[in-house]
Amino acid sequence: MKKLKLYLDTSVISHLKQDDTPDKMTDTLNLWRDIEHGKFEIYLSEVTLDEIGRCTEEKLSVLSRHLKSIDYTLLSGSDEIVRVANQIINLGILTQKSFDDCLHIAHAVVYGCDCIVSWNFKHMVNIKTIKGVRAITNLGNYGSVDIVAPPTLLESEVE
């Protein structure tokens, strides 16, 4: 079976060290173990790395260690990605204030990722954005992209 291509937005990586939300941190660490074992193909963008770079030195050190423990593909920006990001704004899915979130979505769409994984329920993991991205992928003849929170990818153990 083909591995799922996952685009990780900044919120997922940030929750590898997020002591104020222990449940989310635990789910993220469990997903990270699956990633370390090669269960998924992982994609990040320069936007993700730039946002992570704004963390405190202590948190950045922890996140950098985690990133070094996995294989991932770094996606570069392009005119097409900016065009798709602007389309997200023009269709009223997100606003200009959330342009980085639009860029995350656009990278995943243009590069053909299966899922965007995010803890960002305000801008990404919500029905308005999910339906809007579905419309963009259909209109632009892109493959479908699911937007999910990390627990969705964790397999429950059957007893």
Protein backbone atom coordinates (compact mmCIF):
# COMPACT_ATOMS: atom_id res chain seq x y z
CA MET A 1 0.00 0.00 0.00
CA LYS A 2 1.22 3.48 -0.90
CA LYS A 3 2.30 5.75 1.95
CA LEU A 4 0.19 8.83 2.57
CA LYS A 5 1.88 12.09 1.65
CA LEU A 6 1.47 14.38 4.67
CA TYR A 7 2.05 18.12 4.68
CA LEU A 8 2.74 19.20 8.27
CA ASP A 9 1.89 22.76 9.14
CA THR A 10 3.70 24.62 11.89
CA SER A 11 1.13 23.85 14.58
CA VAL A 12 1.89 20.12 14.44
CA ILE A 13 5.62 20.57 14.86
CA SER A 14 5.06 23.19 17.55
CA HIS A 15 2.97 20.73 19.58
CA LEU A 16 5.96 18.40 19.93
CA LYS A 17 6.83 20.73 22.83
CA GLN A 18 3.61 22.31 24.07
CA ASP A 19 3.34 21.71 27.81
CA ASP A 20 0.13 23.74 28.19
CA THR A 21 -1.79 21.25 25.99
CA PRO A 22 -0.56 17.82 27.16
CA ASP A 23 -3.20 15.79 25.27
CA LYS A 24 -2.34 17.42 21.96
CA MET A 25 1.36 17.06 22.71
CA THR A 26 0.90 13.33 23.42
CA ASP A 27 -1.04 12.78 20.18
CA THR A 28 1.61 14.71 18.26
CA LEU A 29 4.45 12.68 19.80
CA ASN A 30 2.59 9.45 18.97
CA LEU A 31 2.17 10.58 15.36
CA TRP A 32 5.85 11.59 15.31
CA ARG A 33 6.84 8.02 16.28
CA ASP A 34 4.91 6.72 13.27
CA ILE A 35 6.66 9.32 11.11
CA GLU A 36 10.07 8.28 12.47
CA HIS A 37 9.25 4.67 11.56
CA GLY A 38 8.60 5.71 7.95
CA LYS A 39 4.85 5.16 7.93
CA PHE A 40 4.24 8.40 5.97
CA GLU A 41 5.97 10.59 3.39
CA ILE A 42 6.48 13.98 5.04
CA TYR A 43 6.47 17.38 3.36
CA LEU A 44 7.27 20.76 4.87
CA SER A 45 7.56 24.20 3.31
CA GLU A 46 9.91 27.07 3.90
CA VAL A 47 6.91 28.83 5.48
CA THR A 48 6.84 26.10 8.15
CA LEU A 49 10.55 26.40 8.88
CA ASP A 50 10.35 30.21 8.98
CA GLU A 51 7.49 30.07 11.50
CA ILE A 52 9.31 27.52 13.65
CA GLY A 53 12.35 29.79 13.59
CA ARG A 54 10.33 32.37 15.54
CA CYS A 55 10.04 30.09 18.60
CA THR A 56 11.99 30.70 21.77
CA GLU A 57 15.53 29.35 21.72
CA GLU A 58 14.64 26.53 24.14
CA LYS A 59 11.64 25.37 22.11
CA LEU A 60 13.49 25.78 18.81
CA SER A 61 16.23 23.48 20.11
CA VAL A 62 13.70 20.74 20.95
CA LEU A 63 11.82 21.11 17.64
CA SER A 64 15.07 21.06 15.65
CA ARG A 65 16.06 17.78 17.32
CA HIS A 66 12.70 16.27 16.37
CA LEU A 67 13.02 17.48 12.78
CA LYS A 68 16.47 15.91 12.49
CA SER A 69 14.95 12.56 13.52
CA ILE A 70 12.76 12.28 10.40
CA ASP A 71 13.11 12.28 6.64
CA TYR A 72 11.12 15.00 4.93
CA THR A 73 10.96 16.82 1.63
CA LEU A 74 11.25 20.61 1.76
CA LEU A 75 8.87 22.18 -0.76
CA SER A 76 9.81 25.44 -2.44
CA GLY A 77 7.49 28.27 -3.28
CA SER A 78 6.44 29.17 -6.80
CA ASP A 79 4.17 31.53 -8.71
CA GLU A 80 1.57 28.75 -8.82
CA ILE A 81 1.60 28.43 -5.03
CA VAL A 82 1.11 32.19 -4.61
CA ARG A 83 -1.72 32.05 -7.16
CA VAL A 84 -3.48 29.23 -5.27
CA ALA A 85 -2.94 31.06 -1.94
CA ASN A 86 -4.52 34.19 -3.43
CA GLN A 87 -7.40 32.11 -4.78
CA ILE A 88 -8.10 30.94 -1.21
CA ILE A 89 -8.41 34.59 -0.19
CA ASN A 90 -10.39 35.66 -3.28
CA LEU A 91 -12.95 32.89 -2.66
CA GLY A 92 -13.39 34.11 0.93
CA ILE A 93 -12.10 30.89 2.50
CA LEU A 94 -9.45 32.75 4.54
CA THR A 95 -8.39 36.38 4.73
CA GLN A 96 -5.18 38.18 3.83
CA LYS A 97 -4.33 38.20 7.55
CA SER A 98 -3.97 34.40 7.30
CA PHE A 99 -1.76 34.45 4.20
CA ASP A 100 0.78 32.03 5.72
CA ASP A 101 -2.03 29.51 6.29
CA CYS A 102 -3.05 30.00 2.65
CA LEU A 103 0.54 29.26 1.65
CA HIS A 104 0.54 26.05 3.72
CA ILE A 105 -2.61 24.89 1.97
CA ALA A 106 -1.32 25.93 -1.46
CA HIS A 107 1.94 23.99 -1.02
CA ALA A 108 0.01 20.83 -0.16
CA VAL A 109 -2.40 21.30 -3.07
CA VAL A 110 0.22 22.09 -5.73
CA TYR A 111 2.60 19.32 -4.63
CA GLY A 112 -0.15 16.71 -4.49
CA CYS A 113 -0.12 15.86 -0.79
CA ASP A 114 -2.88 13.56 0.47
CA CYS A 115 -3.39 15.37 3.78
CA ILE A 116 -2.60 18.62 5.52
CA VAL A 117 -2.04 17.82 9.19
CA SER A 118 -2.77 20.70 11.54
CA TRP A 119 -3.89 21.65 15.02
CA ASN A 120 -5.11 25.00 13.65
CA PHE A 121 -8.88 24.61 14.02
CA LYS A 122 -9.53 28.34 13.57
CA HIS A 123 -8.17 28.57 10.02
CA MET A 124 -7.55 25.09 8.67
CA VAL A 125 -9.24 22.11 10.31
CA ASN A 126 -12.80 23.35 9.93
CA ILE A 127 -15.64 22.71 7.52
CA LYS A 128 -15.43 26.08 5.72
CA THR A 129 -11.76 25.62 4.85
CA ILE A 130 -12.14 21.92 4.07
CA LYS A 131 -15.02 22.58 1.64
CA GLY A 132 -13.22 25.59 0.16
CA VAL A 133 -10.05 23.60 -0.49
CA ARG A 134 -12.14 20.85 -2.07
CA ALA A 135 -13.60 23.46 -4.45
CA ILE A 136 -10.14 24.78 -5.32
CA THR A 137 -8.77 21.31 -6.01
CA ASN A 138 -11.77 20.48 -8.21
CA LEU A 139 -11.64 23.78 -10.12
CA GLY A 140 -7.87 23.56 -10.63
CA ASN A 141 -7.81 19.85 -11.52
CA TYR A 142 -5.61 19.08 -8.51
CA GLY A 143 -5.84 15.90 -6.47
CA SER A 144 -8.00 15.96 -3.38
CA VAL A 145 -6.39 17.05 -0.12
CA ASP A 146 -7.84 16.19 3.28
CA ILE A 147 -7.26 18.52 6.21
CA VAL A 148 -7.01 16.61 9.48
CA ALA A 149 -5.79 16.87 13.06
CA PRO A 150 -3.07 14.43 14.17
CA PRO A 151 -5.39 12.02 16.05
CA THR A 152 -7.11 11.21 12.76
CA LEU A 153 -3.91 9.50 11.58
CA LEU A 154 -3.33 7.49 14.73
CA GLU A 155 -4.50 3.91 14.49
CA SER A 156 -6.36 2.66 17.50
CA GLU A 157 -5.23 -0.69 18.80
CA VAL A 158 -7.80 -3.46 18.55
CA GLU A 159 -8.00 -5.66 21.62
